[in-house]
Amino acid sequence: MITPPRRALLALPAAGCAAREAPGPDGLHARAALKGLRFGTAVTRRHLAEPDLAAALRAECGLLVPEYEQKWSITEPSRGRRSFAPVAEIARFAASAGMGMRGHTLLWHESEPRWLEGLDASATAAAVDQHIAVSMGQLRGRVGTWDVVNEAIHLADGRPDGLRRTRLLARLGVDHLARAFSLARQADPAARLAYNDYGCEHATFYGRQKRPQVLALLRRLRPAGLSVLGVQAHLDAGLPFEAAEWRAFLADVAALGLTIEVTELDVNDRALPAAPGPRDAAAAGLVRRFLDATLDERAVTSIVTWGLTDRHSWIRRGLLPAHRRDDGALARPLPFDDAMRRKPMWHAIAAALDAAPGRRSG
């Protein structure tokens, strides 16, 4: 069994207690902080070794999210054999810059380790319980928000409650979702606990059908300790966005007593022209419209992009067929280009933060 680096983790400052280094005078987190908001991004530990990217992280961000390093299949690839060294490396970098951290993610159907397949229901439940307790225990008091459950709604599976048909659902039933939140509350009473999902942002048939199912799930999970909705905001430039109905959805979430975090913002530019100038301008326009509507809701507390630079985006890697451009042009989904130059999307985020109504800090 690989021993987690507890001494290194224990040396980190508690969440909210670190002395924040002065960011760049116009960095995105500095702008967000003026309005009582937070700005951050997702990283892998490999990114921290790139000097230009590491410098941009320090200048622009107040939050870091491990892109892969906290997912169950990574932290426990074989039963009982755990490693949190990659997470610790990201946590140390965040602490050195006075940044907070988001935890991502405890339960997600795509990161269930393969060894779960050989377990019965009782052993599966025990494995889930231990995974939550041990994973959260590594950074207890240092992670502000945990994505406890990720992407549990999948309309195509045809269940009346909209839930995704997963291995855990089949073995443990619907109550395992609420149980995960209860266990997470025990593991770190100070952490905010989020349900995180995609596909609600656009004014499509799918988005309009998904929003009520997400709201229903939030109501069921609220008594178990849910306090945050994470909206992934993987925006698609080929789909319509209607600000008024998006505002109404966010107001419905806020009425449940929840806060809202934008957790994985980027833009799929497949539908846009190949020329970088027009493409960047159109993507930035969509981001500005989305953020203006989103930040109008005072329950929204933070914005996190799914990467800072195009050179490391999952969209560019073409992990989904919908991300692959027919013309072969490289995707440009994030605020910085390959050379770490600010793009129109950066300016759109900055302008939306500048225009946002202020929140009470803390």
Protein backbone atom coordinates (compact mmCIF):
# COMPACT_ATOMS: atom_id res chain seq x y z
CA MET A 1 0.00 0.00 0.00
CA ILE A 2 1.35 3.42 -0.94
CA THR A 3 1.44 5.72 2.05
CA PRO A 4 -0.05 9.16 1.38
CA PRO A 5 2.31 12.06 2.10
CA ARG A 6 0.55 13.13 5.26
CA ARG A 7 3.34 15.28 6.62
CA ALA A 8 3.41 17.34 3.46
CA LEU A 9 -0.35 17.77 3.53
CA LEU A 10 -0.45 18.64 7.20
CA ALA A 11 2.02 21.42 6.54
CA LEU A 12 -0.44 23.19 4.25
CA PRO A 13 -2.45 26.13 5.60
CA ALA A 14 -6.15 25.63 6.21
CA ALA A 15 -8.59 26.84 3.57
CA GLY A 16 -9.24 30.54 3.88
CA CYS A 17 -6.27 31.04 6.23
CA ALA A 18 -3.43 31.40 3.74
CA ALA A 19 -1.89 34.81 3.19
CA ARG A 20 -2.73 35.50 -0.47
CA GLU A 21 0.21 36.74 -2.48
CA ALA A 22 -0.59 39.90 -4.38
CA PRO A 23 -1.86 38.84 -7.82
CA GLY A 24 -1.09 40.70 -10.99
CA PRO A 25 -2.76 44.11 -10.98
CA ASP A 26 -5.33 43.00 -13.53
CA GLY A 27 -5.40 39.24 -13.04
CA LEU A 28 -8.78 37.56 -13.22
CA HIS A 29 -8.81 36.51 -9.57
CA ALA A 30 -7.91 40.05 -8.50
CA ARG A 31 -10.88 41.33 -10.49
CA ALA A 32 -13.14 38.61 -9.09
CA ALA A 33 -12.06 39.31 -5.52
CA LEU A 34 -13.11 42.95 -5.86
CA LYS A 35 -16.66 41.64 -6.30
CA GLY A 36 -16.50 39.00 -3.56
CA LEU A 37 -16.00 36.24 -6.14
CA ARG A 38 -13.26 33.69 -6.83
CA PHE A 39 -11.62 32.75 -10.12
CA GLY A 40 -9.61 29.62 -10.78
CA THR A 41 -8.80 26.83 -13.18
CA ALA A 42 -8.16 23.11 -13.49
CA VAL A 43 -4.60 21.80 -13.70
CA THR A 44 -2.62 18.60 -13.69
CA ARG A 45 0.62 18.32 -11.79
CA ARG A 46 2.52 18.17 -15.10
CA HIS A 47 1.34 21.69 -15.89
CA LEU A 48 3.09 23.04 -12.82
CA ALA A 49 6.47 22.25 -14.39
CA GLU A 50 5.86 24.69 -17.27
CA PRO A 51 7.27 28.06 -16.15
CA ASP A 52 5.05 30.27 -18.28
CA LEU A 53 1.89 28.42 -17.25
CA ALA A 54 2.90 28.32 -13.59
CA ALA A 55 3.48 32.08 -13.68
CA ALA A 56 0.06 32.64 -15.25
CA LEU A 57 -1.59 30.46 -12.62
CA ARG A 58 -0.05 32.57 -9.88
CA ALA A 59 -1.04 35.83 -11.58
CA GLU A 60 -4.58 34.89 -12.60
CA CYS A 61 -6.00 32.32 -10.18
CA GLY A 62 -7.26 32.10 -6.63
CA LEU A 63 -8.48 28.50 -6.95
CA LEU A 64 -6.99 25.32 -8.36
CA VAL A 65 -8.83 22.11 -9.26
CA PRO A 66 -6.99 18.84 -9.91
CA GLU A 67 -8.15 17.82 -13.38
CA TYR A 68 -7.55 14.07 -12.90
CA GLU A 69 -5.53 13.50 -9.75
CA GLN A 70 -8.44 13.17 -7.29
CA LYS A 71 -10.56 10.79 -9.35
CA TRP A 72 -11.11 7.40 -7.78
CA SER A 73 -9.53 5.32 -10.54
CA ILE A 74 -6.37 7.42 -10.13
CA THR A 75 -6.15 7.54 -6.34
CA GLU A 76 -6.98 3.83 -5.85
CA PRO A 77 -6.15 1.95 -9.07
CA SER A 78 -6.19 -1.37 -7.24
CA ARG A 79 -8.20 -2.17 -4.13
CA GLY A 80 -6.56 -0.77 -1.01
CA ARG A 81 -3.56 0.62 -2.92
CA ARG A 82 -3.84 4.40 -2.73
CA SER A 83 -1.61 7.28 -3.71
CA PHE A 84 -2.26 10.96 -3.09
CA ALA A 85 1.20 12.20 -4.04
CA PRO A 86 -0.01 13.96 -7.24
CA VAL A 87 -2.76 15.73 -5.30
CA ALA A 88 -0.26 16.77 -2.65
CA GLU A 89 1.95 18.35 -5.31
CA ILE A 90 -0.93 20.49 -6.60
CA ALA A 91 -1.93 21.34 -3.04
CA ARG A 92 1.58 22.52 -2.19
CA PHE A 93 1.67 24.74 -5.27
CA ALA A 94 -1.72 26.21 -4.38
CA ALA A 95 -0.63 26.86 -0.80
CA SER A 96 2.60 28.51 -1.92
CA ALA A 97 0.55 31.01 -3.93
CA GLY A 98 -2.16 31.44 -1.29
CA MET A 99 -4.75 29.75 -3.51
CA GLY A 100 -7.75 27.75 -2.40
CA MET A 101 -8.65 24.36 -3.83
CA ARG A 102 -11.74 22.60 -5.13
CA GLY A 103 -12.03 18.84 -4.78
CA HIS A 104 -12.96 16.97 -7.97
CA THR A 105 -14.56 14.45 -7.85
CA LEU A 106 -15.63 11.73 -5.39
CA LEU A 107 -18.30 9.78 -7.32
CA TRP A 108 -18.34 9.81 -11.11
CA HIS A 109 -19.35 6.90 -13.31
CA GLU A 110 -16.34 7.37 -15.60
CA SER A 111 -13.79 7.22 -12.79
CA GLU A 112 -15.01 4.13 -10.95
CA PRO A 113 -12.03 1.76 -10.63
CA ARG A 114 -12.32 -1.51 -12.53
CA TRP A 115 -11.81 -3.61 -9.40
CA LEU A 116 -15.32 -2.61 -8.26
CA GLU A 117 -16.70 -5.02 -10.85
CA GLY A 118 -15.78 -8.02 -8.71
CA LEU A 119 -17.48 -6.80 -5.52
CA ASP A 120 -20.95 -7.56 -4.20
CA ALA A 121 -23.28 -4.85 -2.91
CA SER A 122 -21.98 -4.93 0.66
CA ALA A 123 -18.33 -4.73 -0.36
CA THR A 124 -19.13 -2.02 -2.90
CA ALA A 125 -20.83 0.10 -0.23
CA ALA A 126 -17.85 -0.34 2.09
CA ALA A 127 -15.44 0.65 -0.69
CA VAL A 128 -17.43 3.80 -1.44
CA ASP A 129 -17.55 4.75 2.23
CA GLN A 130 -13.81 4.31 2.65
CA HIS A 131 -13.02 6.13 -0.60
CA ILE A 132 -14.95 9.22 0.52
CA ALA A 133 -13.51 9.23 4.03
CA VAL A 134 -9.90 8.69 2.99
CA SER A 135 -9.95 11.02 -0.02
CA MET A 136 -11.45 13.91 1.89
CA GLY A 137 -9.32 13.21 4.92
CA GLN A 138 -6.12 13.94 2.97
CA LEU A 139 -7.05 17.60 2.61
CA ARG A 140 -9.53 18.06 5.42
CA GLY A 141 -9.98 21.76 6.08
CA ARG A 142 -8.00 22.77 3.00
CA VAL A 143 -10.54 22.19 0.20
CA GLY A 144 -13.31 24.77 0.09
CA THR A 145 -15.76 22.83 -2.10
CA TRP A 146 -15.90 19.13 -3.01
CA ASP A 147 -17.71 17.79 -6.05
CA VAL A 148 -19.27 14.88 -4.19
CA VAL A 149 -21.38 13.53 -7.07
CA ASN A 150 -20.68 14.28 -10.72
CA GLU A 151 -23.06 13.90 -13.69
CA ALA A 152 -25.69 11.65 -12.10
CA ILE A 153 -28.44 12.79 -14.48
CA HIS A 154 -28.54 11.19 -17.94
CA LEU A 155 -31.88 11.54 -19.71
CA ALA A 156 -31.03 9.01 -22.42
CA ASP A 157 -31.15 6.19 -19.86
CA GLY A 158 -34.90 6.65 -19.65
CA ARG A 159 -35.48 6.53 -15.89
CA PRO A 160 -38.40 8.66 -14.65
CA ASP A 161 -36.09 10.35 -12.15
CA GLY A 162 -33.52 11.07 -14.86
CA LEU A 163 -30.74 9.24 -13.04
CA ARG A 164 -27.87 7.69 -14.96
CA ARG A 165 -27.84 3.87 -14.90
CA THR A 166 -24.50 3.22 -13.24
CA ARG A 167 -22.91 0.27 -11.48
CA LEU A 168 -23.34 2.00 -8.13
CA LEU A 169 -26.99 2.76 -8.80
CA ALA A 170 -27.67 -0.87 -9.75
CA ARG A 171 -25.95 -2.27 -6.67
CA LEU A 172 -26.70 0.34 -4.03
CA GLY A 173 -29.93 2.01 -5.18
CA VAL A 174 -30.80 5.69 -5.35
CA ASP A 175 -30.04 6.26 -1.67
CA HIS A 176 -26.30 5.92 -2.30
CA LEU A 177 -26.23 9.49 -3.63
CA ALA A 178 -27.61 11.00 -0.43
CA ARG A 179 -25.39 8.70 1.60
CA ALA A 180 -22.34 10.06 -0.23
CA PHE A 181 -23.23 13.57 0.88
CA SER A 182 -23.82 12.47 4.46
CA LEU A 183 -20.44 10.74 4.53
CA ALA A 184 -18.76 13.76 2.99
CA ARG A 185 -20.25 16.00 5.67
CA GLN A 186 -18.79 13.73 8.33
CA ALA A 187 -15.39 13.62 6.61
CA ASP A 188 -15.05 17.42 6.45
CA PRO A 189 -17.79 19.38 8.22
CA ALA A 190 -16.39 22.70 7.00
CA ALA A 191 -16.38 21.88 3.29
CA ARG A 192 -19.05 23.00 0.87
CA LEU A 193 -20.55 19.96 -0.86
CA ALA A 194 -21.51 20.14 -4.53
CA TYR A 195 -23.50 18.27 -7.10
CA ASN A 196 -21.77 18.97 -10.45
CA ASP A 197 -23.30 18.54 -13.92
CA TYR A 198 -23.30 19.68 -17.56
CA GLY A 199 -25.87 20.35 -20.25
CA CYS A 200 -28.25 22.79 -18.53
CA GLU A 201 -26.74 25.97 -19.94
CA HIS A 202 -28.04 26.01 -23.51
CA ALA A 203 -31.58 26.67 -24.73
CA THR A 204 -31.94 23.28 -26.38
CA PHE A 205 -34.55 20.56 -25.97
CA TYR A 206 -32.00 18.58 -23.96
CA GLY A 207 -31.12 21.49 -21.69
CA ARG A 208 -34.74 22.37 -21.05
CA GLN A 209 -35.57 18.77 -20.20
CA LYS A 210 -32.55 18.33 -17.96
CA ARG A 211 -33.00 21.40 -15.77
CA PRO A 212 -36.13 20.13 -13.95
CA GLN A 213 -34.46 16.76 -13.29
CA VAL A 214 -31.41 18.49 -11.84
CA LEU A 215 -33.61 20.65 -9.63
CA ALA A 216 -35.48 17.57 -8.40
CA LEU A 217 -32.19 15.85 -7.55
CA LEU A 218 -30.98 18.93 -5.69
CA ARG A 219 -34.12 18.88 -3.57
CA ARG A 220 -33.55 15.22 -2.70
CA LEU A 221 -29.91 15.77 -1.79
CA ARG A 222 -30.32 19.02 0.15
CA PRO A 223 -31.20 17.34 3.49
CA ALA A 224 -28.11 15.12 3.21
CA GLY A 225 -25.71 18.06 3.16
CA LEU A 226 -25.69 19.36 -0.42
CA SER A 227 -24.91 23.08 -0.40
CA VAL A 228 -23.65 23.87 -3.93
CA LEU A 229 -24.66 23.30 -7.54
CA GLY A 230 -21.68 23.14 -9.85
CA VAL A 231 -22.57 24.18 -13.40
CA GLN A 232 -19.84 22.91 -15.70
CA ALA A 233 -20.46 25.48 -18.44
CA HIS A 234 -18.93 23.50 -21.29
CA LEU A 235 -20.39 25.98 -23.76
CA ASP A 236 -20.98 25.08 -27.41
CA ALA A 237 -20.83 27.89 -29.96
CA GLY A 238 -23.19 25.95 -32.21
CA LEU A 239 -26.05 25.94 -29.69
CA PRO A 240 -28.44 28.73 -28.64
CA PHE A 241 -28.11 30.47 -25.30
CA GLU A 242 -31.05 32.36 -23.80
CA ALA A 243 -30.08 34.60 -20.90
CA ALA A 244 -33.58 35.00 -19.46
CA GLU A 245 -34.30 31.30 -19.05
CA TRP A 246 -30.80 30.66 -17.71
CA ARG A 247 -31.31 33.36 -15.09
CA ALA A 248 -34.63 31.76 -14.15
CA PHE A 249 -32.98 28.36 -13.66
CA LEU A 250 -30.26 29.84 -11.46
CA ALA A 251 -32.91 31.67 -9.43
CA ASP A 252 -34.69 28.36 -8.87
CA VAL A 253 -31.43 26.85 -7.61
CA ALA A 254 -30.79 29.80 -5.32
CA ALA A 255 -34.33 29.52 -3.93
CA LEU A 256 -33.36 26.09 -2.58
CA GLY A 257 -30.79 27.80 -0.36
CA LEU A 258 -27.85 26.68 -2.49
CA THR A 259 -24.88 28.57 -3.80
CA ILE A 260 -23.68 28.08 -7.38
CA GLU A 261 -20.20 27.63 -8.78
CA VAL A 262 -19.18 27.68 -12.43
CA THR A 263 -16.80 24.73 -12.45
CA GLU A 264 -15.49 23.83 -15.94
CA LEU A 265 -15.91 26.79 -18.27
CA ASP A 266 -14.67 26.45 -21.85
CA VAL A 267 -16.04 26.76 -25.40
CA ASN A 268 -16.41 24.11 -28.09
CA ASP A 269 -15.69 26.18 -31.21
CA ARG A 270 -16.38 23.44 -33.78
CA ALA A 271 -19.25 25.43 -35.32
CA LEU A 272 -17.14 28.59 -35.73
CA PRO A 273 -14.95 29.55 -38.71
CA ALA A 274 -11.35 28.38 -38.84
CA ALA A 275 -9.77 31.86 -38.88
CA PRO A 276 -8.57 32.57 -35.33
CA GLY A 277 -9.73 36.19 -35.24
CA PRO A 278 -13.43 35.64 -35.98
CA ARG A 279 -13.42 32.39 -34.04
CA ASP A 280 -11.96 33.94 -30.90
CA ALA A 281 -14.33 36.89 -31.11
CA ALA A 282 -17.40 34.68 -31.40
CA ALA A 283 -16.30 32.42 -28.53
CA ALA A 284 -15.62 35.45 -26.36
CA GLY A 285 -19.04 36.87 -27.15
CA LEU A 286 -20.72 33.67 -26.02
CA VAL A 287 -18.69 33.62 -22.80
CA ARG A 288 -19.58 37.24 -22.09
CA ARG A 289 -23.30 36.63 -22.58
CA PHE A 290 -23.18 33.54 -20.43
CA LEU A 291 -21.23 35.18 -17.61
CA ASP A 292 -23.29 38.37 -17.62
CA ALA A 293 -26.43 36.31 -17.09
CA THR A 294 -24.77 33.98 -14.59
CA LEU A 295 -23.14 36.65 -12.44
CA ASP A 296 -26.42 38.54 -12.18
CA GLU A 297 -27.42 35.78 -9.75
CA ARG A 298 -25.81 36.68 -6.42
CA ALA A 299 -25.81 33.03 -5.32
CA VAL A 300 -22.98 32.48 -7.83
CA THR A 301 -19.68 32.56 -5.95
CA SER A 302 -16.92 31.47 -8.32
CA ILE A 303 -15.81 30.84 -11.89
CA VAL A 304 -13.41 28.04 -12.80
CA THR A 305 -12.22 27.37 -16.34
CA TRP A 306 -11.35 23.83 -17.42
CA GLY A 307 -7.76 24.76 -18.08
CA LEU A 308 -6.13 28.11 -18.66
CA THR A 309 -4.41 27.60 -22.02
CA ASP A 310 -5.54 26.06 -25.29
CA ARG A 311 -2.48 23.83 -25.40
CA HIS A 312 -3.81 21.63 -22.60
CA SER A 313 -7.55 21.54 -23.31
CA TRP A 314 -9.50 18.29 -23.41
CA ILE A 315 -11.47 19.82 -26.28
CA ARG A 316 -8.34 20.17 -28.38
CA ARG A 317 -7.46 16.55 -27.64
CA GLY A 318 -10.77 15.58 -29.24
CA LEU A 319 -11.86 13.25 -26.47
CA LEU A 320 -15.45 13.54 -27.69
CA PRO A 321 -16.49 13.31 -31.37
CA ALA A 322 -18.41 16.56 -30.93
CA HIS A 323 -15.12 18.35 -30.24
CA ARG A 324 -13.42 17.35 -33.51
CA ARG A 325 -13.44 20.05 -36.14
CA ASP A 326 -14.14 18.94 -39.70
CA ASP A 327 -11.52 21.35 -41.05
CA GLY A 328 -8.72 20.02 -38.86
CA ALA A 329 -8.07 23.41 -37.23
CA LEU A 330 -6.87 23.26 -33.62
CA ALA A 331 -9.56 24.10 -31.08
CA ARG A 332 -9.19 27.40 -29.20
CA PRO A 333 -11.44 26.89 -26.15
CA LEU A 334 -9.71 28.75 -23.30
CA PRO A 335 -8.61 32.25 -22.17
CA PHE A 336 -4.93 31.90 -23.15
CA ASP A 337 -3.43 30.69 -26.42
CA ASP A 338 -0.57 28.21 -26.79
CA ALA A 339 2.01 30.93 -26.12
CA MET A 340 0.21 32.05 -22.95
CA ARG A 341 -1.07 35.25 -24.54
CA ARG A 342 -4.43 36.58 -23.40
CA LYS A 343 -7.19 35.97 -25.92
CA PRO A 344 -10.53 37.74 -26.40
CA MET A 345 -12.04 35.16 -24.04
CA TRP A 346 -9.79 36.45 -21.25
CA HIS A 347 -11.04 39.96 -21.87
CA ALA A 348 -14.65 38.75 -21.93
CA ILE A 349 -14.22 37.11 -18.51
CA ALA A 350 -12.50 40.21 -17.17
CA ALA A 351 -15.26 42.48 -18.46
CA ALA A 352 -17.98 40.26 -17.02
CA LEU A 353 -16.27 40.27 -13.63
CA ASP A 354 -15.90 44.05 -13.75
CA ALA A 355 -19.61 44.42 -14.52
CA ALA A 356 -20.83 41.87 -11.98
CA PRO A 357 -22.75 43.00 -8.91
CA GLY A 358 -20.69 42.74 -5.76
CA ARG A 359 -21.09 40.01 -3.15
CA ARG A 360 -20.31 40.17 0.50
CA SER A 361 -16.85 38.67 0.91
CA GLY A 362 -16.25 35.64 3.12
